[in-house]
Amino acid sequence: MSKPDTGRGRISLTFAGLLFAAGILFVWGIDFAIRSTNTLEFCTSCHTMQTNFEEYQASLHFKNPSGVKATCADCHVPKPLGPKLLTKLIAAKDVYHEIVGTIDTPEKFEARRWHLANMVWDRMRANDSRECRSCHDFDDMDLSEQGRSARSRHAAARDKGQTCIDCHRGVVHHEPDDPGDTAAVNADAS
């Protein structure tokens, strides 16, 4: 004798289908959010980022002989998914500080710039300048094509286990003055 159809099988399949569809929508939503927040337009939409945007436009990462442009996300957002999601969560605090007024004016941003820059530099040291190395890896450099000074410094940096940010702070954005550096403070006062 066969068992009567109670409809449970159909409900389970319907629930599984809905769960599957919800999962796809969730993944699509996360992907959309990441892609949207990785654009140059999004990164520079806060008016306090205009100074950073102007510095970037004056750099070789914006305009150079090869025509290759690195955008904010290329330098500040990791490619692997786990670190990318963590970076996006941490970056949400910048949006929060813009909204609550901690960095909502160029003056307030400049007052916190040393602190903000150090957070980026510390992260870059911790991950061996991972985002820089997507384009500038020691193993891909032809040191013989570099100038004498760059060639010797890059060779020494590789031998010492240094990372890009150890020497290349202020490449795209102006390096902020250390608030504890009295020489820089006195120079600004003159």
N, C-alpha and C. Protein backbone atom coordinates (compact mmCIF):
# COMPACT_ATOMS: atom_id res chain seq x y z
N MET A 1 0.81 -1.18 0.00
CA MET A 1 0.00 0.00 0.00
C MET A 1 0.86 1.25 0.00
N SER A 2 0.48 2.22 -0.76
CA SER A 2 1.26 3.46 -0.79
C SER A 2 0.74 4.43 0.25
N LYS A 3 1.65 5.26 0.71
CA LYS A 3 1.29 6.25 1.72
C LYS A 3 0.57 7.41 1.06
N PRO A 4 -0.37 7.99 1.76
CA PRO A 4 -1.08 9.13 1.19
C PRO A 4 -0.16 10.36 1.12
N ASP A 5 -0.35 11.17 0.10
CA ASP A 5 0.44 12.39 -0.08
C ASP A 5 -0.05 13.45 0.90
N THR A 6 0.82 13.83 1.84
CA THR A 6 0.43 14.81 2.85
C THR A 6 0.80 16.23 2.45
N GLY A 7 1.53 16.40 1.40
CA GLY A 7 1.92 17.75 0.96
C GLY A 7 3.20 18.24 1.60
N ARG A 8 3.74 17.50 2.55
CA ARG A 8 4.98 17.92 3.22
C ARG A 8 6.15 18.01 2.26
N GLY A 9 6.23 17.10 1.33
CA GLY A 9 7.32 17.11 0.36
C GLY A 9 7.30 18.35 -0.50
N ARG A 10 6.07 18.74 -0.90
CA ARG A 10 5.94 19.95 -1.71
C ARG A 10 6.30 21.20 -0.91
N ILE A 11 5.92 21.23 0.35
CA ILE A 11 6.24 22.38 1.20
C ILE A 11 7.75 22.47 1.40
N SER A 12 8.41 21.36 1.63
CA SER A 12 9.87 21.34 1.82
C SER A 12 10.58 21.85 0.57
N LEU A 13 10.11 21.39 -0.61
CA LEU A 13 10.72 21.85 -1.85
C LEU A 13 10.48 23.33 -2.06
N THR A 14 9.30 23.81 -1.75
CA THR A 14 8.99 25.23 -1.90
C THR A 14 9.86 26.06 -0.95
N PHE A 15 9.98 25.62 0.29
CA PHE A 15 10.80 26.32 1.28
C PHE A 15 12.27 26.33 0.84
N ALA A 16 12.75 25.21 0.35
CA ALA A 16 14.15 25.13 -0.12
C ALA A 16 14.36 26.06 -1.30
N GLY A 17 13.38 26.11 -2.20
CA GLY A 17 13.48 27.01 -3.35
C GLY A 17 13.51 28.47 -2.92
N LEU A 18 12.65 28.83 -1.96
CA LEU A 18 12.64 30.20 -1.45
C LEU A 18 13.94 30.53 -0.75
N LEU A 19 14.45 29.60 0.02
CA LEU A 19 15.73 29.80 0.72
C LEU A 19 16.86 29.98 -0.28
N PHE A 20 16.86 29.18 -1.33
CA PHE A 20 17.87 29.28 -2.39
C PHE A 20 17.78 30.65 -3.07
N ALA A 21 16.57 31.07 -3.41
CA ALA A 21 16.37 32.37 -4.07
C ALA A 21 16.80 33.52 -3.14
N ALA A 22 16.49 33.41 -1.86
CA ALA A 22 16.91 34.44 -0.89
C ALA A 22 18.43 34.49 -0.80
N GLY A 23 19.08 33.35 -0.84
CA GLY A 23 20.55 33.31 -0.81
C GLY A 23 21.16 33.99 -2.03
N ILE A 24 20.57 33.72 -3.19
CA ILE A 24 21.07 34.36 -4.42
C ILE A 24 20.88 35.87 -4.34
N LEU A 25 19.71 36.31 -3.89
CA LEU A 25 19.45 37.75 -3.75
C LEU A 25 20.41 38.39 -2.75
N PHE A 26 20.71 37.69 -1.65
CA PHE A 26 21.64 38.21 -0.64
C PHE A 26 23.03 38.37 -1.24
N VAL A 27 23.52 37.35 -1.93
CA VAL A 27 24.85 37.42 -2.54
C VAL A 27 24.88 38.52 -3.61
N TRP A 28 23.84 38.62 -4.42
CA TRP A 28 23.77 39.67 -5.43
C TRP A 28 23.79 41.04 -4.76
N GLY A 29 23.05 41.21 -3.65
CA GLY A 29 23.02 42.49 -2.94
C GLY A 29 24.38 42.87 -2.39
N ILE A 30 25.10 41.91 -1.81
CA ILE A 30 26.45 42.17 -1.29
C ILE A 30 27.38 42.54 -2.44
N ASP A 31 27.31 41.79 -3.53
CA ASP A 31 28.15 42.08 -4.69
C ASP A 31 27.85 43.49 -5.23
N PHE A 32 26.57 43.84 -5.34
CA PHE A 32 26.18 45.16 -5.81
C PHE A 32 26.72 46.25 -4.89
N ALA A 33 26.60 46.05 -3.58
CA ALA A 33 27.09 47.04 -2.61
C ALA A 33 28.61 47.21 -2.72
N ILE A 34 29.34 46.11 -2.85
CA ILE A 34 30.80 46.19 -2.97
C ILE A 34 31.18 46.90 -4.26
N ARG A 35 30.57 46.53 -5.36
CA ARG A 35 30.89 47.18 -6.64
C ARG A 35 30.56 48.67 -6.60
N SER A 36 29.44 49.02 -6.01
CA SER A 36 29.02 50.42 -5.96
C SER A 36 29.95 51.26 -5.09
N THR A 37 30.40 50.69 -3.98
CA THR A 37 31.27 51.44 -3.07
C THR A 37 32.73 51.39 -3.48
N ASN A 38 33.06 50.64 -4.53
CA ASN A 38 34.44 50.61 -5.03
C ASN A 38 34.68 51.60 -6.16
N THR A 39 33.69 52.42 -6.48
CA THR A 39 33.86 53.35 -7.59
C THR A 39 34.54 54.63 -7.13
N LEU A 40 35.24 55.26 -8.03
CA LEU A 40 35.89 56.54 -7.76
C LEU A 40 34.84 57.58 -7.37
N GLU A 41 33.69 57.53 -8.02
CA GLU A 41 32.62 58.48 -7.73
C GLU A 41 32.13 58.34 -6.29
N PHE A 42 31.97 57.10 -5.82
CA PHE A 42 31.52 56.91 -4.44
C PHE A 42 32.60 57.38 -3.46
N CYS A 43 33.82 56.97 -3.72
CA CYS A 43 34.91 57.31 -2.79
C CYS A 43 35.10 58.81 -2.63
N THR A 44 34.84 59.56 -3.67
CA THR A 44 35.08 61.00 -3.61
C THR A 44 33.79 61.79 -3.44
N SER A 45 32.69 61.11 -3.09
CA SER A 45 31.41 61.80 -2.95
C SER A 45 31.31 62.65 -1.69
N CYS A 46 32.05 62.32 -0.65
CA CYS A 46 32.06 63.17 0.55
C CYS A 46 32.93 64.39 0.27
N HIS A 47 32.43 65.56 0.65
CA HIS A 47 33.19 66.76 0.31
C HIS A 47 34.54 66.83 1.01
N THR A 48 34.70 66.13 2.14
CA THR A 48 36.01 66.13 2.79
C THR A 48 37.04 65.31 2.02
N MET A 49 36.60 64.50 1.07
CA MET A 49 37.52 63.72 0.25
C MET A 49 38.02 64.51 -0.96
N GLN A 50 37.55 65.71 -1.16
CA GLN A 50 37.96 66.49 -2.32
C GLN A 50 39.46 66.78 -2.31
N THR A 51 40.03 67.04 -1.13
CA THR A 51 41.47 67.26 -1.04
C THR A 51 42.22 66.00 -1.49
N ASN A 52 41.78 64.85 -1.00
CA ASN A 52 42.41 63.58 -1.41
C ASN A 52 42.25 63.35 -2.91
N PHE A 53 41.08 63.70 -3.44
CA PHE A 53 40.82 63.53 -4.87
C PHE A 53 41.75 64.43 -5.69
N GLU A 54 41.93 65.66 -5.27
CA GLU A 54 42.83 66.58 -5.98
C GLU A 54 44.27 66.08 -5.93
N GLU A 55 44.70 65.55 -4.78
CA GLU A 55 46.05 64.99 -4.67
C GLU A 55 46.20 63.79 -5.61
N TYR A 56 45.20 62.94 -5.63
CA TYR A 56 45.21 61.77 -6.50
C TYR A 56 45.31 62.19 -7.96
N GLN A 57 44.55 63.22 -8.38
CA GLN A 57 44.57 63.68 -9.77
C GLN A 57 45.94 64.23 -10.17
N ALA A 58 46.72 64.68 -9.21
CA ALA A 58 48.05 65.21 -9.50
C ALA A 58 49.12 64.12 -9.46
N SER A 59 48.73 62.88 -9.18
CA SER A 59 49.70 61.79 -9.02
C SER A 59 49.83 60.96 -10.29
N LEU A 60 50.90 60.17 -10.33
CA LEU A 60 51.11 59.25 -11.44
C LEU A 60 50.14 58.07 -11.42
N HIS A 61 49.47 57.85 -10.29
CA HIS A 61 48.47 56.79 -10.25
C HIS A 61 47.20 57.20 -11.00
N PHE A 62 47.05 58.50 -11.26
CA PHE A 62 45.89 59.00 -12.02
C PHE A 62 46.24 59.16 -13.49
N LYS A 63 47.34 59.82 -13.77
CA LYS A 63 47.74 60.06 -15.16
C LYS A 63 49.23 59.79 -15.29
N ASN A 64 49.57 58.94 -16.26
CA ASN A 64 50.97 58.55 -16.44
C ASN A 64 51.20 58.14 -17.88
N PRO A 65 52.47 57.98 -18.27
CA PRO A 65 52.77 57.65 -19.67
C PRO A 65 52.15 56.34 -20.16
N SER A 66 51.96 55.38 -19.27
CA SER A 66 51.42 54.08 -19.71
C SER A 66 49.90 54.12 -19.87
N GLY A 67 49.24 55.11 -19.27
CA GLY A 67 47.79 55.21 -19.37
C GLY A 67 47.05 54.29 -18.40
N VAL A 68 47.77 53.63 -17.51
CA VAL A 68 47.14 52.76 -16.53
C VAL A 68 46.76 53.60 -15.31
N LYS A 69 45.49 53.54 -14.92
CA LYS A 69 45.00 54.33 -13.80
C LYS A 69 44.64 53.41 -12.64
N ALA A 70 45.15 53.72 -11.47
CA ALA A 70 44.76 53.02 -10.26
C ALA A 70 43.74 53.89 -9.54
N THR A 71 42.61 53.33 -9.17
CA THR A 71 41.59 54.11 -8.46
C THR A 71 41.68 53.84 -6.96
N CYS A 72 40.84 54.51 -6.20
CA CYS A 72 40.85 54.36 -4.74
C CYS A 72 40.80 52.89 -4.32
N ALA A 73 39.86 52.14 -4.91
CA ALA A 73 39.69 50.74 -4.54
C ALA A 73 40.91 49.90 -4.88
N ASP A 74 41.61 50.22 -5.96
CA ASP A 74 42.81 49.46 -6.33
C ASP A 74 43.86 49.52 -5.23
N CYS A 75 43.95 50.64 -4.55
CA CYS A 75 44.97 50.83 -3.52
C CYS A 75 44.46 50.56 -2.10
N HIS A 76 43.16 50.72 -1.88
CA HIS A 76 42.64 50.65 -0.51
C HIS A 76 41.73 49.46 -0.24
N VAL A 77 41.36 48.69 -1.25
CA VAL A 77 40.44 47.56 -1.05
C VAL A 77 41.11 46.27 -1.54
N PRO A 78 41.27 45.29 -0.66
CA PRO A 78 41.88 44.02 -1.07
C PRO A 78 41.04 43.29 -2.11
N LYS A 79 41.68 42.45 -2.90
CA LYS A 79 40.97 41.65 -3.91
C LYS A 79 40.31 40.41 -3.29
N PRO A 80 41.00 39.67 -2.38
CA PRO A 80 40.37 38.47 -1.80
C PRO A 80 39.11 38.84 -1.00
N LEU A 81 38.08 38.00 -1.09
CA LEU A 81 36.78 38.31 -0.52
C LEU A 81 36.81 38.56 0.99
N GLY A 82 37.46 37.71 1.76
CA GLY A 82 37.48 37.87 3.23
C GLY A 82 38.06 39.22 3.65
N PRO A 83 39.29 39.52 3.24
CA PRO A 83 39.86 40.83 3.58
C PRO A 83 39.06 41.99 3.00
N LYS A 84 38.44 41.78 1.82
CA LYS A 84 37.64 42.84 1.21
C LYS A 84 36.44 43.17 2.09
N LEU A 85 35.73 42.14 2.57
CA LEU A 85 34.56 42.36 3.42
C LEU A 85 34.96 43.03 4.74
N LEU A 86 36.08 42.59 5.32
CA LEU A 86 36.56 43.19 6.55
C LEU A 86 36.91 44.66 6.33
N THR A 87 37.57 44.97 5.22
CA THR A 87 37.92 46.35 4.90
C THR A 87 36.67 47.20 4.75
N LYS A 88 35.65 46.66 4.09
CA LYS A 88 34.40 47.41 3.90
C LYS A 88 33.72 47.69 5.25
N LEU A 89 33.75 46.71 6.15
CA LEU A 89 33.16 46.93 7.48
C LEU A 89 33.92 48.01 8.24
N ILE A 90 35.25 47.95 8.19
CA ILE A 90 36.07 48.94 8.89
C ILE A 90 35.88 50.32 8.27
N ALA A 91 35.76 50.38 6.94
CA ALA A 91 35.61 51.66 6.25
C ALA A 91 34.27 52.32 6.56
N ALA A 92 33.31 51.55 7.01
CA ALA A 92 32.00 52.13 7.35
C ALA A 92 32.15 53.17 8.45
N LYS A 93 33.18 53.05 9.26
CA LYS A 93 33.39 54.04 10.32
C LYS A 93 33.72 55.41 9.74
N ASP A 94 34.36 55.46 8.57
CA ASP A 94 34.64 56.75 7.94
C ASP A 94 33.35 57.44 7.51
N VAL A 95 32.41 56.65 7.00
CA VAL A 95 31.11 57.21 6.62
C VAL A 95 30.40 57.69 7.88
N TYR A 96 30.48 56.90 8.94
CA TYR A 96 29.88 57.29 10.23
C TYR A 96 30.47 58.63 10.71
N HIS A 97 31.80 58.75 10.67
CA HIS A 97 32.44 59.98 11.14
C HIS A 97 32.09 61.17 10.25
N GLU A 98 31.87 60.94 8.98
CA GLU A 98 31.42 62.01 8.09
C GLU A 98 30.02 62.46 8.50
N ILE A 99 29.13 61.50 8.79
CA ILE A 99 27.74 61.80 9.13
C ILE A 99 27.64 62.51 10.48
N VAL A 100 28.38 62.03 11.49
CA VAL A 100 28.27 62.63 12.83
C VAL A 100 29.09 63.90 12.98
N GLY A 101 29.90 64.23 11.98
CA GLY A 101 30.59 65.51 12.01
C GLY A 101 32.03 65.50 12.50
N THR A 102 32.61 64.32 12.71
CA THR A 102 34.00 64.25 13.17
C THR A 102 34.97 64.72 12.08
N ILE A 103 34.66 64.39 10.82
CA ILE A 103 35.54 64.76 9.70
C ILE A 103 34.75 65.41 8.57
N ASP A 104 33.68 66.10 8.89
CA ASP A 104 32.76 66.61 7.86
C ASP A 104 33.19 67.92 7.21
N THR A 105 34.31 68.46 7.63
CA THR A 105 34.84 69.65 6.96
C THR A 105 36.30 69.40 6.62
N PRO A 106 36.84 70.09 5.64
CA PRO A 106 38.26 69.89 5.33
C PRO A 106 39.16 70.16 6.54
N GLU A 107 38.80 71.13 7.37
CA GLU A 107 39.62 71.45 8.55
C GLU A 107 39.60 70.30 9.56
N LYS A 108 38.43 69.74 9.80
CA LYS A 108 38.33 68.61 10.74
C LYS A 108 39.06 67.39 10.18
N PHE A 109 38.93 67.19 8.87
CA PHE A 109 39.63 66.06 8.25
C PHE A 109 41.14 66.23 8.40
N GLU A 110 41.65 67.42 8.11
CA GLU A 110 43.09 67.68 8.23
C GLU A 110 43.56 67.49 9.66
N ALA A 111 42.74 67.85 10.64
CA ALA A 111 43.11 67.68 12.05
C ALA A 111 43.27 66.20 12.40
N ARG A 112 42.55 65.32 11.72
CA ARG A 112 42.62 63.88 11.99
C ARG A 112 43.45 63.12 10.95
N ARG A 113 43.99 63.84 10.00
CA ARG A 113 44.66 63.19 8.87
C ARG A 113 45.86 62.34 9.29
N TRP A 114 46.67 62.79 10.23
CA TRP A 114 47.82 62.01 10.68
C TRP A 114 47.34 60.67 11.24
N HIS A 115 46.32 60.72 12.06
CA HIS A 115 45.76 59.50 12.67
C HIS A 115 45.22 58.56 11.59
N LEU A 116 44.44 59.11 10.66
CA LEU A 116 43.84 58.30 9.59
C LEU A 116 44.93 57.69 8.70
N ALA A 117 45.94 58.48 8.35
CA ALA A 117 47.03 57.98 7.50
C ALA A 117 47.77 56.85 8.20
N ASN A 118 48.01 56.99 9.48
CA ASN A 118 48.73 55.95 10.22
C ASN A 118 47.93 54.65 10.28
N MET A 119 46.62 54.75 10.35
CA MET A 119 45.81 53.52 10.32
C MET A 119 45.99 52.80 8.98
N VAL A 120 46.01 53.54 7.89
CA VAL A 120 46.21 52.95 6.56
C VAL A 120 47.63 52.37 6.47
N TRP A 121 48.62 53.12 6.92
CA TRP A 121 50.01 52.64 6.84
C TRP A 121 50.20 51.39 7.68
N ASP A 122 49.62 51.34 8.88
CA ASP A 122 49.74 50.16 9.73
C ASP A 122 49.11 48.94 9.05
N ARG A 123 47.95 49.13 8.43
CA ARG A 123 47.29 48.03 7.72
C ARG A 123 48.16 47.55 6.56
N MET A 124 48.77 48.50 5.85
CA MET A 124 49.61 48.13 4.71
C MET A 124 50.86 47.38 5.17
N ARG A 125 51.44 47.80 6.29
CA ARG A 125 52.60 47.07 6.81
C ARG A 125 52.19 45.65 7.21
N ALA A 126 51.03 45.54 7.85
CA ALA A 126 50.57 44.24 8.33
C ALA A 126 50.29 43.26 7.18
N ASN A 127 49.87 43.77 6.02
CA ASN A 127 49.56 42.85 4.91
C ASN A 127 50.63 42.91 3.81
N ASP A 128 51.82 43.42 4.16
CA ASP A 128 52.96 43.50 3.23
C ASP A 128 52.59 44.27 1.96
N SER A 129 51.86 45.37 2.16
CA SER A 129 51.45 46.24 1.04
C SER A 129 50.80 45.44 -0.09
N ARG A 130 49.90 44.55 0.30
CA ARG A 130 49.25 43.62 -0.64
C ARG A 130 48.67 44.34 -1.86
N GLU A 131 47.96 45.45 -1.63
CA GLU A 131 47.32 46.13 -2.76
C GLU A 131 48.37 46.77 -3.67
N CYS A 132 49.46 47.31 -3.11
CA CYS A 132 50.54 47.85 -3.95
C CYS A 132 51.13 46.75 -4.83
N ARG A 133 51.30 45.59 -4.22
CA ARG A 133 51.98 44.48 -4.90
C ARG A 133 51.14 43.88 -6.03
N SER A 134 49.85 44.21 -6.10
CA SER A 134 49.09 43.73 -7.27
C SER A 134 49.67 44.32 -8.54
N CYS A 135 50.32 45.48 -8.44
CA CYS A 135 50.96 46.10 -9.62
C CYS A 135 52.48 46.20 -9.49
N HIS A 136 52.98 46.30 -8.28
CA HIS A 136 54.40 46.59 -8.05
C HIS A 136 55.09 45.51 -7.22
N ASP A 137 55.12 44.30 -7.67
CA ASP A 137 55.76 43.23 -6.92
C ASP A 137 57.26 43.20 -7.20
N PHE A 138 58.06 42.99 -6.15
CA PHE A 138 59.51 42.92 -6.32
C PHE A 138 59.89 41.91 -7.40
N ASP A 139 59.21 40.76 -7.42
CA ASP A 139 59.57 39.70 -8.37
C ASP A 139 59.29 40.11 -9.82
N ASP A 140 58.42 41.08 -10.02
CA ASP A 140 58.09 41.52 -11.37
C ASP A 140 58.89 42.75 -11.81
N MET A 141 59.68 43.30 -10.91
CA MET A 141 60.46 44.49 -11.25
C MET A 141 61.73 44.10 -11.99
N ASP A 142 62.02 44.84 -13.02
CA ASP A 142 63.29 44.69 -13.73
C ASP A 142 64.21 45.77 -13.18
N LEU A 143 64.95 45.42 -12.14
CA LEU A 143 65.79 46.42 -11.46
C LEU A 143 66.82 47.03 -12.40
N SER A 144 67.23 46.29 -13.41
CA SER A 144 68.23 46.83 -14.34
C SER A 144 67.68 47.99 -15.16
N GLU A 145 66.36 48.11 -15.26
CA GLU A 145 65.73 49.20 -16.00
C GLU A 145 65.47 50.43 -15.13
N GLN A 146 65.71 50.29 -13.82
CA GLN A 146 65.47 51.40 -12.91
C GLN A 146 66.72 52.26 -12.78
N GLY A 147 66.51 53.48 -12.33
CA GLY A 147 67.65 54.35 -12.06
C GLY A 147 68.51 53.75 -10.96
N ARG A 148 69.76 54.23 -10.86
CA ARG A 148 70.70 53.65 -9.90
C ARG A 148 70.17 53.69 -8.47
N SER A 149 69.63 54.83 -8.06
CA SER A 149 69.13 54.97 -6.70
C SER A 149 67.95 54.03 -6.44
N ALA A 150 66.97 54.02 -7.34
CA ALA A 150 65.80 53.14 -7.17
C ALA A 150 66.23 51.68 -7.17
N ARG A 151 67.15 51.33 -8.07
CA ARG A 151 67.62 49.95 -8.16
C ARG A 151 68.23 49.50 -6.84
N SER A 152 69.11 50.31 -6.27
CA SER A 152 69.78 49.90 -5.02
C SER A 152 68.80 49.90 -3.85
N ARG A 153 67.89 50.87 -3.83
CA ARG A 153 66.91 50.91 -2.72
C ARG A 153 65.93 49.74 -2.80
N HIS A 154 65.46 49.41 -3.99
CA HIS A 154 64.54 48.28 -4.11
C HIS A 154 65.23 46.96 -3.78
N ALA A 155 66.46 46.81 -4.21
CA ALA A 155 67.20 45.58 -3.89
C ALA A 155 67.42 45.47 -2.38
N ALA A 156 67.79 46.58 -1.74
CA ALA A 156 67.99 46.57 -0.29
C ALA A 156 66.67 46.32 0.44
N ALA A 157 65.59 46.92 -0.03
CA ALA A 157 64.28 46.72 0.61
C ALA A 157 63.86 45.26 0.54
N ARG A 158 64.10 44.63 -0.62
CA ARG A 158 63.75 43.22 -0.76
C ARG A 158 64.58 42.38 0.21
N ASP A 159 65.89 42.67 0.30
CA ASP A 159 66.77 41.91 1.18
C ASP A 159 66.40 42.10 2.66
N LYS A 160 65.95 43.29 3.01
CA LYS A 160 65.60 43.60 4.41
C LYS A 160 64.18 43.18 4.75
N GLY A 161 63.40 42.74 3.76
CA GLY A 161 62.02 42.36 4.01
C GLY A 161 61.11 43.56 4.24
N GLN A 162 61.50 44.71 3.68
CA GLN A 162 60.66 45.89 3.82
C GLN A 162 59.46 45.79 2.89
N THR A 163 58.46 46.59 3.20
CA THR A 163 57.27 46.63 2.35
C THR A 163 57.15 48.02 1.73
N CYS A 164 56.35 48.14 0.72
CA CYS A 164 56.25 49.37 -0.07
C CYS A 164 56.06 50.62 0.79
N ILE A 165 55.16 50.54 1.75
CA ILE A 165 54.80 51.72 2.54
C ILE A 165 55.94 52.19 3.45
N ASP A 166 56.93 51.35 3.66
CA ASP A 166 58.08 51.77 4.48
C ASP A 166 58.83 52.94 3.82
N CYS A 167 58.80 53.01 2.51
CA CYS A 167 59.51 54.07 1.79
C CYS A 167 58.58 54.99 1.00
N HIS A 168 57.42 54.50 0.61
CA HIS A 168 56.58 55.23 -0.33
C HIS A 168 55.33 55.83 0.30
N ARG A 169 55.46 56.46 1.45
CA ARG A 169 54.33 57.22 2.00
C ARG A 169 54.28 58.54 1.25
N GLY A 170 53.09 59.01 1.03
CA GLY A 170 52.95 60.29 0.34
C GLY A 170 53.13 60.20 -1.16
N VAL A 171 52.95 59.02 -1.75
CA VAL A 171 53.10 58.85 -3.19
C VAL A 171 51.89 59.43 -3.92
N VAL A 172 50.71 59.16 -3.43
CA VAL A 172 49.49 59.65 -4.07
C VAL A 172 48.90 60.81 -3.27
N HIS A 173 48.85 60.64 -1.96
CA HIS A 173 48.31 61.69 -1.09
C HIS A 173 49.47 62.34 -0.35
N HIS A 174 49.36 63.63 -0.13
CA HIS A 174 50.42 64.31 0.61
C HIS A 174 50.58 63.68 1.98
N GLU A 175 51.82 63.48 2.37
CA GLU A 175 52.09 62.90 3.68
C GLU A 175 51.81 63.96 4.73
N PRO A 176 50.91 63.67 5.67
CA PRO A 176 50.59 64.67 6.68
C PRO A 176 51.75 64.86 7.66
N ASP A 177 51.80 66.04 8.24
CA ASP A 177 52.82 66.32 9.24
C ASP A 177 52.52 65.56 10.52
N ASP A 178 53.55 65.02 11.13
CA ASP A 178 53.43 64.37 12.42
C ASP A 178 53.16 65.46 13.46
N PRO A 179 52.04 65.37 14.19
CA PRO A 179 51.73 66.41 15.16
C PRO A 179 52.79 66.54 16.25
N GLY A 180 53.57 65.50 16.45
CA GLY A 180 54.64 65.55 17.45
C GLY A 180 55.95 66.09 16.90
N ASP A 181 56.00 66.37 15.60
CA ASP A 181 57.22 66.87 14.95
C ASP A 181 57.25 68.39 15.07
N THR A 182 58.02 68.91 16.02
CA THR A 182 58.05 70.36 16.25
C THR A 182 58.68 71.10 15.10
N ALA A 183 59.59 70.49 14.35
CA ALA A 183 60.21 71.16 13.21
C ALA A 183 59.15 71.46 12.14
N ALA A 184 58.25 70.49 11.90
CA ALA A 184 57.19 70.69 10.91
C ALA A 184 56.20 71.74 11.38
N VAL A 185 55.88 71.73 12.68
CA VAL A 185 54.96 72.72 13.23
C VAL A 185 55.56 74.12 13.12
N ASN A 186 56.85 74.25 13.44
CA ASN A 186 57.52 75.55 13.36
C ASN A 186 57.61 76.03 11.91
N ALA A 187 57.83 75.12 10.95
CA ALA A 187 57.90 75.49 9.55
C ALA A 187 56.55 76.00 9.06
N ASP A 188 55.46 75.36 9.53
CA ASP A 188 54.13 75.79 9.15
C ASP A 188 53.81 77.18 9.73
N ALA A 189 54.35 77.49 10.89
CA ALA A 189 54.07 78.76 11.54
C ALA A 189 54.78 79.91 10.84
N SER A 190 55.87 79.64 10.11
CA SER A 190 56.62 80.72 9.46
C SER A 190 55.95 81.21 8.21
